Amino acid sequence: MEFFLFILIFMLILISFYNNFLSFLIMIEYMVISILFFIMFFNYMNLWIYLIYLILSVCEAILGLSLMVSFSFSFGHQKIEFINLVC
């Protein structure tokens, strides 16, 4: 039940952050950390898996920030809307 409530809150916040790309990246990082804590509290696996998960989440954050910088150079403004990114 708590997991469904978490998903509902995440979807509502995701809809509110739909306009700005940087806010969307921050929301995704919040989701990654929340999932990590959810896994750590309810699943006692090997600690190496947590380290690999954190490494992959850092790579995902770096990729998102580099995309934001390249979009900023391409389009020339900081508020990049998702609707304008359609090819």
PDB file of N, CA and C in Angstrom:
ATOM      1  N   MET A   1       0.822  -1.195   0.000  1.00  0.00           N
ATOM      2  CA  MET A   1       0.000   0.000   0.000  1.00  0.00           C
ATOM      3  C   MET A   1       0.866   1.259   0.000  1.00  0.00           C
ATOM      4  N   GLU A   2       1.944   1.238   0.782  1.00  0.00           N
ATOM      5  CA  GLU A   2       2.821   2.402   0.851  1.00  0.00           C
ATOM      6  C   GLU A   2       3.529   2.644  -0.477  1.00  0.00           C
ATOM      7  N   PHE A   3       3.853   1.554  -1.169  1.00  0.00           N
ATOM      8  CA  PHE A   3       4.533   1.703  -2.450  1.00  0.00           C
ATOM      9  C   PHE A   3       3.619   2.363  -3.480  1.00  0.00           C
ATOM     10  N   PHE A   4       2.337   2.003  -3.477  1.00  0.00           N
ATOM     11  CA  PHE A   4       1.392   2.627  -4.406  1.00  0.00           C
ATOM     12  C   PHE A   4       1.195   4.101  -4.090  1.00  0.00           C
ATOM     13  N   LEU A   5       1.218   4.445  -2.816  1.00  0.00           N
ATOM     14  CA  LEU A   5       1.132   5.850  -2.428  1.00  0.00           C
ATOM     15  C   LEU A   5       2.367   6.607  -2.904  1.00  0.00           C
ATOM     16  N   PHE A   6       3.531   5.981  -2.792  1.00  0.00           N
ATOM     17  CA  PHE A   6       4.761   6.593  -3.283  1.00  0.00           C
ATOM     18  C   PHE A   6       4.698   6.825  -4.790  1.00  0.00           C
ATOM     19  N   ILE A   7       4.196   5.843  -5.530  1.00  0.00           N
ATOM     20  CA  ILE A   7       4.075   5.979  -6.984  1.00  0.00           C
ATOM     21  C   ILE A   7       3.099   7.094  -7.338  1.00  0.00           C
ATOM     22  N   LEU A   8       1.988   7.198  -6.620  1.00  0.00           N
ATOM     23  CA  LEU A   8       1.008   8.249  -6.881  1.00  0.00           C
ATOM     24  C   LEU A   8       1.596   9.630  -6.629  1.00  0.00           C
ATOM     25  N   ILE A   9       2.306   9.791  -5.517  1.00  0.00           N
ATOM     26  CA  ILE A   9       2.937  11.078  -5.213  1.00  0.00           C
ATOM     27  C   ILE A   9       4.006  11.403  -6.250  1.00  0.00           C
ATOM     28  N   PHE A  10       4.765  10.401  -6.665  1.00  0.00           N
ATOM     29  CA  PHE A  10       5.791  10.626  -7.685  1.00  0.00           C
ATOM     30  C   PHE A  10       5.177  11.091  -8.996  1.00  0.00           C
ATOM     31  N   MET A  11       4.075  10.478  -9.408  1.00  0.00           N
ATOM     32  CA  MET A  11       3.439  10.879 -10.663  1.00  0.00           C
ATOM     33  C   MET A  11       2.882  12.292 -10.580  1.00  0.00           C
ATOM     34  N   LEU A  12       2.326  12.672  -9.449  1.00  0.00           N
ATOM     35  CA  LEU A  12       1.814  14.036  -9.300  1.00  0.00           C
ATOM     36  C   LEU A  12       2.941  15.061  -9.351  1.00  0.00           C
ATOM     37  N   ILE A  13       4.048  14.766  -8.704  1.00  0.00           N
ATOM     38  CA  ILE A  13       5.187  15.686  -8.723  1.00  0.00           C
ATOM     39  C   ILE A  13       5.818  15.720 -10.115  1.00  0.00           C
ATOM     40  N   LEU A  14       5.845  14.586 -10.789  1.00  0.00           N
ATOM     41  CA  LEU A  14       6.399  14.532 -12.139  1.00  0.00           C
ATOM     42  C   LEU A  14       5.594  15.395 -13.101  1.00  0.00           C
ATOM     43  N   ILE A  15       4.288  15.393 -12.954  1.00  0.00           N
ATOM     44  CA  ILE A  15       3.451  16.231 -13.814  1.00  0.00           C
ATOM     45  C   ILE A  15       3.701  17.710 -13.537  1.00  0.00           C
ATOM     46  N   SER A  16       3.943  18.064 -12.274  1.00  0.00           N
ATOM     47  CA  SER A  16       4.171  19.475 -11.961  1.00  0.00           C
ATOM     48  C   SER A  16       5.548  19.955 -12.424  1.00  0.00           C
ATOM     49  N   PHE A  17       6.527  19.052 -12.561  1.00  0.00           N
ATOM     50  CA  PHE A  17       7.861  19.426 -13.012  1.00  0.00           C
ATOM     51  C   PHE A  17       8.045  19.212 -14.510  1.00  0.00           C
ATOM     52  N   TYR A  18       6.976  19.085 -15.256  1.00  0.00           N
ATOM     53  CA  TYR A  18       7.056  18.753 -16.671  1.00  0.00           C
ATOM     54  C   TYR A  18       7.612  19.898 -17.511  1.00  0.00           C
ATOM     55  N   ASN A  19       7.515  21.128 -17.055  1.00  0.00           N
ATOM     56  CA  ASN A  19       7.887  22.270 -17.885  1.00  0.00           C
ATOM     57  C   ASN A  19       9.385  22.522 -17.942  1.00  0.00           C
ATOM     58  N   ASN A  20      10.104  22.316 -16.872  1.00  0.00           N
ATOM     59  CA  ASN A  20      11.504  22.691 -16.810  1.00  0.00           C
ATOM     60  C   ASN A  20      12.377  21.440 -16.766  1.00  0.00           C
ATOM     61  N   PHE A  21      13.392  21.396 -17.610  1.00  0.00           N
ATOM     62  CA  PHE A  21      14.248  20.213 -17.721  1.00  0.00           C
ATOM     63  C   PHE A  21      15.090  19.999 -16.469  1.00  0.00           C
ATOM     64  N   LEU A  22      15.608  21.071 -15.867  1.00  0.00           N
ATOM     65  CA  LEU A  22      16.425  20.936 -14.664  1.00  0.00           C
ATOM     66  C   LEU A  22      15.592  20.419 -13.498  1.00  0.00           C
ATOM     67  N   SER A  23      14.383  20.893 -13.352  1.00  0.00           N
ATOM     68  CA  SER A  23      13.502  20.390 -12.295  1.00  0.00           C
ATOM     69  C   SER A  23      13.169  18.924 -12.515  1.00  0.00           C
ATOM     70  N   PHE A  24      13.025  18.545 -13.769  1.00  0.00           N
ATOM     71  CA  PHE A  24      12.777  17.141 -14.085  1.00  0.00           C
ATOM     72  C   PHE A  24      13.971  16.274 -13.698  1.00  0.00           C
ATOM     73  N   LEU A  25      15.190  16.750 -13.948  1.00  0.00           N
ATOM     74  CA  LEU A  25      16.385  15.996 -13.559  1.00  0.00           C
ATOM     75  C   LEU A  25      16.499  15.864 -12.045  1.00  0.00           C
ATOM     76  N   ILE A  26      16.168  16.926 -11.323  1.00  0.00           N
ATOM     77  CA  ILE A  26      16.198  16.869  -9.860  1.00  0.00           C
ATOM     78  C   ILE A  26      15.171  15.867  -9.354  1.00  0.00           C
ATOM     79  N   MET A  27      14.005  15.839  -9.975  1.00  0.00           N
ATOM     80  CA  MET A  27      12.970  14.892  -9.569  1.00  0.00           C
ATOM     81  C   MET A  27      13.396  13.459  -9.838  1.00  0.00           C
ATOM     82  N   ILE A  28      14.069  13.218 -10.941  1.00  0.00           N
ATOM     83  CA  ILE A  28      14.545  11.864 -11.234  1.00  0.00           C
ATOM     84  C   ILE A  28      15.601  11.435 -10.216  1.00  0.00           C
ATOM     85  N   GLU A  29      16.477  12.349  -9.823  1.00  0.00           N
ATOM     86  CA  GLU A  29      17.479  12.010  -8.809  1.00  0.00           C
ATOM     87  C   GLU A  29      16.827  11.735  -7.453  1.00  0.00           C
ATOM     88  N   TYR A  30      15.776  12.468  -7.133  1.00  0.00           N
ATOM     89  CA  TYR A  30      15.028  12.183  -5.909  1.00  0.00           C
ATOM     90  C   TYR A  30      14.419  10.787  -5.978  1.00  0.00           C
ATOM     91  N   MET A  31      13.907  10.416  -7.131  1.00  0.00           N
ATOM     92  CA  MET A  31      13.327   9.097  -7.290  1.00  0.00           C
ATOM     93  C   MET A  31      14.389   8.010  -7.140  1.00  0.00           C
ATOM     94  N   VAL A  32      15.581   8.230  -7.681  1.00  0.00           N
ATOM     95  CA  VAL A  32      16.664   7.247  -7.578  1.00  0.00           C
ATOM     96  C   VAL A  32      17.064   7.034  -6.121  1.00  0.00           C
ATOM     97  N   ILE A  33      17.208   8.115  -5.372  1.00  0.00           N
ATOM     98  CA  ILE A  33      17.579   7.996  -3.959  1.00  0.00           C
ATOM     99  C   ILE A  33      16.457   7.348  -3.154  1.00  0.00           C
ATOM    100  N   SER A  34      15.212   7.668  -3.469  1.00  0.00           N
ATOM    101  CA  SER A  34      14.080   7.061  -2.764  1.00  0.00           C
ATOM    102  C   SER A  34      14.010   5.565  -3.028  1.00  0.00           C
ATOM    103  N   ILE A  35      14.243   5.159  -4.260  1.00  0.00           N
ATOM    104  CA  ILE A  35      14.245   3.732  -4.577  1.00  0.00           C
ATOM    105  C   ILE A  35      15.400   3.034  -3.881  1.00  0.00           C
ATOM    106  N   LEU A  36      16.550   3.682  -3.790  1.00  0.00           N
ATOM    107  CA  LEU A  36      17.689   3.094  -3.085  1.00  0.00           C
ATOM    108  C   LEU A  36      17.362   2.862  -1.615  1.00  0.00           C
ATOM    109  N   PHE A  37      16.769   3.856  -0.959  1.00  0.00           N
ATOM    110  CA  PHE A  37      16.398   3.678   0.442  1.00  0.00           C
ATOM    111  C   PHE A  37      15.309   2.625   0.603  1.00  0.00           C
ATOM    112  N   PHE A  38      14.377   2.576  -0.331  1.00  0.00           N
ATOM    113  CA  PHE A  38      13.327   1.563  -0.282  1.00  0.00           C
ATOM    114  C   PHE A  38      13.926   0.166  -0.384  1.00  0.00           C
ATOM    115  N   ILE A  39      14.884  -0.018  -1.280  1.00  0.00           N
ATOM    116  CA  ILE A  39      15.538  -1.314  -1.437  1.00  0.00           C
ATOM    117  C   ILE A  39      16.372  -1.648  -0.204  1.00  0.00           C
ATOM    118  N   MET A  40      17.065  -0.662   0.350  1.00  0.00           N
ATOM    119  CA  MET A  40      17.931  -0.925   1.499  1.00  0.00           C
ATOM    120  C   MET A  40      17.137  -1.308   2.741  1.00  0.00           C
ATOM    121  N   PHE A  41      15.980  -0.708   2.941  1.00  0.00           N
ATOM    122  CA  PHE A  41      15.208  -0.994   4.148  1.00  0.00           C
ATOM    123  C   PHE A  41      14.435  -2.304   4.063  1.00  0.00           C
ATOM    124  N   PHE A  42      14.034  -2.709   2.867  1.00  0.00           N
ATOM    125  CA  PHE A  42      13.184  -3.883   2.750  1.00  0.00           C
ATOM    126  C   PHE A  42      13.853  -5.072   2.093  1.00  0.00           C
ATOM    127  N   ASN A  43      15.086  -4.941   1.713  1.00  0.00           N
ATOM    128  CA  ASN A  43      15.778  -6.035   1.065  1.00  0.00           C
ATOM    129  C   ASN A  43      17.227  -6.037   1.542  1.00  0.00           C
ATOM    130  N   TYR A  44      17.639  -7.130   2.141  1.00  0.00           N
ATOM    131  CA  TYR A  44      18.994  -7.216   2.680  1.00  0.00           C
ATOM    132  C   TYR A  44      19.869  -8.007   1.716  1.00  0.00           C
ATOM    133  N   MET A  45      20.343  -7.328   0.699  1.00  0.00           N
ATOM    134  CA  MET A  45      21.189  -7.974  -0.291  1.00  0.00           C
ATOM    135  C   MET A  45      22.647  -7.619  -0.010  1.00  0.00           C
ATOM    136  N   ASN A  46      23.493  -8.034  -0.895  1.00  0.00           N
ATOM    137  CA  ASN A  46      24.908  -7.742  -0.790  1.00  0.00           C
ATOM    138  C   ASN A  46      25.142  -6.237  -0.962  1.00  0.00           C
ATOM    139  N   LEU A  47      26.092  -5.689  -0.224  1.00  0.00           N
ATOM    140  CA  LEU A  47      26.347  -4.256  -0.287  1.00  0.00           C
ATOM    141  C   LEU A  47      26.969  -3.819  -1.605  1.00  0.00           C
ATOM    142  N   TRP A  48      27.556  -4.749  -2.344  1.00  0.00           N
ATOM    143  CA  TRP A  48      28.130  -4.389  -3.640  1.00  0.00           C
ATOM    144  C   TRP A  48      27.042  -3.974  -4.628  1.00  0.00           C
ATOM    145  N   ILE A  49      25.870  -4.549  -4.488  1.00  0.00           N
ATOM    146  CA  ILE A  49      24.772  -4.191  -5.391  1.00  0.00           C
ATOM    147  C   ILE A  49      24.359  -2.748  -5.168  1.00  0.00           C
ATOM    148  N   TYR A  50      24.362  -2.289  -3.915  1.00  0.00           N
ATOM    149  CA  TYR A  50      24.047  -0.888  -3.629  1.00  0.00           C
ATOM    150  C   TYR A  50      25.090   0.047  -4.234  1.00  0.00           C
ATOM    151  N   LEU A  51      26.348  -0.356  -4.163  1.00  0.00           N
ATOM    152  CA  LEU A  51      27.418   0.453  -4.736  1.00  0.00           C
ATOM    153  C   LEU A  51      27.286   0.544  -6.259  1.00  0.00           C
ATOM    154  N   ILE A  52      26.980  -0.570  -6.898  1.00  0.00           N
ATOM    155  CA  ILE A  52      26.785  -0.560  -8.348  1.00  0.00           C
ATOM    156  C   ILE A  52      25.577   0.293  -8.716  1.00  0.00           C
ATOM    157  N   TYR A  53      24.503   0.210  -7.932  1.00  0.00           N
ATOM    158  CA  TYR A  53      23.309   1.026  -8.193  1.00  0.00           C
ATOM    159  C   TYR A  53      23.637   2.511  -8.069  1.00  0.00           C
ATOM    160  N   LEU A  54      24.409   2.888  -7.064  1.00  0.00           N
ATOM    161  CA  LEU A  54      24.788   4.291  -6.906  1.00  0.00           C
ATOM    162  C   LEU A  54      25.695   4.765  -8.039  1.00  0.00           C
ATOM    163  N   ILE A  55      26.597   3.910  -8.490  1.00  0.00           N
ATOM    164  CA  ILE A  55      27.465   4.277  -9.610  1.00  0.00           C
ATOM    165  C   ILE A  55      26.638   4.511 -10.870  1.00  0.00           C
ATOM    166  N   LEU A  56      25.673   3.638 -11.133  1.00  0.00           N
ATOM    167  CA  LEU A  56      24.814   3.819 -12.304  1.00  0.00           C
ATOM    168  C   LEU A  56      23.945   5.062 -12.182  1.00  0.00           C
ATOM    169  N   SER A  57      23.496   5.383 -10.976  1.00  0.00           N
ATOM    170  CA  SER A  57      22.679   6.594 -10.809  1.00  0.00           C
ATOM    171  C   SER A  57      23.520   7.856 -10.995  1.00  0.00           C
ATOM    172  N   VAL A  58      24.781   7.829 -10.597  1.00  0.00           N
ATOM    173  CA  VAL A  58      25.660   8.981 -10.830  1.00  0.00           C
ATOM    174  C   VAL A  58      25.929   9.145 -12.325  1.00  0.00           C
ATOM    175  N   CYS A  59      26.133   8.031 -13.024  1.00  0.00           N
ATOM    176  CA  CYS A  59      26.318   8.118 -14.483  1.00  0.00           C
ATOM    177  C   CYS A  59      25.074   8.669 -15.162  1.00  0.00           C
ATOM    178  N   GLU A  60      23.901   8.289 -14.668  1.00  0.00           N
ATOM    179  CA  GLU A  60      22.647   8.810 -15.220  1.00  0.00           C
ATOM    180  C   GLU A  60      22.514  10.304 -14.968  1.00  0.00           C
ATOM    181  N   ALA A  61      22.931  10.757 -13.794  1.00  0.00           N
ATOM    182  CA  ALA A  61      22.864  12.188 -13.476  1.00  0.00           C
ATOM    183  C   ALA A  61      23.827  12.986 -14.351  1.00  0.00           C
ATOM    184  N   ILE A  62      25.013  12.461 -14.561  1.00  0.00           N
ATOM    185  CA  ILE A  62      25.992  13.153 -15.405  1.00  0.00           C
ATOM    186  C   ILE A  62      25.500  13.224 -16.846  1.00  0.00           C
ATOM    187  N   LEU A  63      24.903  12.153 -17.332  1.00  0.00           N
ATOM    188  CA  LEU A  63      24.355  12.158 -18.686  1.00  0.00           C
ATOM    189  C   LEU A  63      23.224  13.178 -18.816  1.00  0.00           C
ATOM    190  N   GLY A  64      22.352  13.267 -17.813  1.00  0.00           N
ATOM    191  CA  GLY A  64      21.267  14.243 -17.851  1.00  0.00           C
ATOM    192  C   GLY A  64      21.768  15.671 -17.830  1.00  0.00           C
ATOM    193  N   LEU A  65      22.764  15.941 -16.990  1.00  0.00           N
ATOM    194  CA  LEU A  65      23.308  17.303 -16.940  1.00  0.00           C
ATOM    195  C   LEU A  65      24.050  17.666 -18.224  1.00  0.00           C
ATOM    196  N   SER A  66      24.751  16.705 -18.809  1.00  0.00           N
ATOM    197  CA  SER A  66      25.431  17.005 -20.073  1.00  0.00           C
ATOM    198  C   SER A  66      24.424  17.234 -21.200  1.00  0.00           C
ATOM    199  N   LEU A  67      23.307  16.513 -21.185  1.00  0.00           N
ATOM    200  CA  LEU A  67      22.249  16.784 -22.163  1.00  0.00           C
ATOM    201  C   LEU A  67      21.660  18.168 -21.966  1.00  0.00           C
ATOM    202  N   MET A  68      21.493  18.571 -20.707  1.00  0.00           N
ATOM    203  CA  MET A  68      20.950  19.896 -20.438  1.00  0.00           C
ATOM    204  C   MET A  68      21.901  20.986 -20.941  1.00  0.00           C
ATOM    205  N   VAL A  69      23.197  20.801 -20.741  1.00  0.00           N
ATOM    206  CA  VAL A  69      24.170  21.790 -21.216  1.00  0.00           C
ATOM    207  C   VAL A  69      24.189  21.836 -22.742  1.00  0.00           C
ATOM    208  N   SER A  70      24.135  20.678 -23.385  1.00  0.00           N
ATOM    209  CA  SER A  70      24.135  20.683 -24.853  1.00  0.00           C
ATOM    210  C   SER A  70      22.849  21.288 -25.409  1.00  0.00           C
ATOM    211  N   PHE A  71      21.713  21.050 -24.761  1.00  0.00           N
ATOM    212  CA  PHE A  71      20.464  21.696 -25.190  1.00  0.00           C
ATOM    213  C   PHE A  71      20.531  23.196 -24.977  1.00  0.00           C
ATOM    214  N   SER A  72      21.166  23.607 -23.896  1.00  0.00           N
ATOM    215  CA  SER A  72      21.291  25.040 -23.627  1.00  0.00           C
ATOM    216  C   SER A  72      22.165  25.710 -24.681  1.00  0.00           C
ATOM    217  N   PHE A  73      23.233  25.047 -25.096  1.00  0.00           N
ATOM    218  CA  PHE A  73      24.067  25.601 -26.164  1.00  0.00           C
ATOM    219  C   PHE A  73      23.330  25.607 -27.501  1.00  0.00           C
ATOM    220  N   SER A  74      22.526  24.583 -27.739  1.00  0.00           N
ATOM    221  CA  SER A  74      21.818  24.491 -29.020  1.00  0.00           C
ATOM    222  C   SER A  74      20.683  25.489 -29.130  1.00  0.00           C
ATOM    223  N   PHE A  75      19.865  25.598 -28.088  1.00  0.00           N
ATOM    224  CA  PHE A  75      18.672  26.427 -28.153  1.00  0.00           C
ATOM    225  C   PHE A  75      18.883  27.827 -27.608  1.00  0.00           C
ATOM    226  N   GLY A  76      19.879  28.044 -26.774  1.00  0.00           N
ATOM    227  CA  GLY A  76      20.228  29.376 -26.326  1.00  0.00           C
ATOM    228  C   GLY A  76      19.447  29.917 -25.153  1.00  0.00           C
ATOM    229  N   HIS A  77      18.756  29.107 -24.414  1.00  0.00           N
ATOM    230  CA  HIS A  77      18.071  29.576 -23.216  1.00  0.00           C
ATOM    231  C   HIS A  77      18.089  28.474 -22.163  1.00  0.00           C
ATOM    232  N   GLN A  78      17.821  28.848 -20.930  1.00  0.00           N
ATOM    233  CA  GLN A  78      17.937  27.894 -19.835  1.00  0.00           C
ATOM    234  C   GLN A  78      16.648  27.140 -19.562  1.00  0.00           C
ATOM    235  N   LYS A  79      15.510  27.717 -19.889  1.00  0.00           N
ATOM    236  CA  LYS A  79      14.258  27.014 -19.650  1.00  0.00           C
ATOM    237  C   LYS A  79      13.888  26.235 -20.901  1.00  0.00           C
ATOM    238  N   ILE A  80      14.265  24.980 -20.911  1.00  0.00           N
ATOM    239  CA  ILE A  80      14.029  24.121 -22.059  1.00  0.00           C
ATOM    240  C   ILE A  80      12.772  23.314 -21.768  1.00  0.00           C
ATOM    241  N   GLU A  81      11.769  23.465 -22.592  1.00  0.00           N
ATOM    242  CA  GLU A  81      10.535  22.730 -22.410  1.00  0.00           C
ATOM    243  C   GLU A  81      10.589  21.444 -23.222  1.00  0.00           C
ATOM    244  N   PHE A  82       9.962  20.405 -22.701  1.00  0.00           N
ATOM    245  CA  PHE A  82       9.979  19.119 -23.382  1.00  0.00           C
ATOM    246  C   PHE A  82       9.215  19.160 -24.695  1.00  0.00           C
ATOM    247  N   ILE A  83       8.211  19.992 -24.787  1.00  0.00           N
ATOM    248  CA  ILE A  83       7.397  20.054 -25.995  1.00  0.00           C
ATOM    249  C   ILE A  83       8.233  20.564 -27.167  1.00  0.00           C
ATOM    250  N   ASN A  84       9.180  21.447 -26.919  1.00  0.00           N
ATOM    251  CA  ASN A  84      10.014  21.999 -27.980  1.00  0.00           C
ATOM    252  C   ASN A  84      11.128  21.052 -28.420  1.00  0.00           C
ATOM    253  N   LEU A  85      11.349  19.947 -27.705  1.00  0.00           N
ATOM    254  CA  LEU A  85      12.443  19.041 -28.034  1.00  0.00           C
ATOM    255  C   LEU A  85      12.049  17.978 -29.047  1.00  0.00           C
ATOM    256  N   VAL A  86      10.814  18.014 -29.532  1.00  0.00           N
ATOM    257  CA  VAL A  86      10.370  17.042 -30.521  1.00  0.00           C
ATOM    258  C   VAL A  86      11.052  17.359 -31.845  1.00  0.00           C
ATOM    259  N   CYS A  87      11.596  16.341 -32.485  1.00  0.00           N
ATOM    260  CA  CYS A  87      12.339  16.545 -33.740  1.00  0.00           C
ATOM    261  C   CYS A  87      11.463  17.037 -34.854  1.00  0.00           C
TER     262      CYS A  87
END
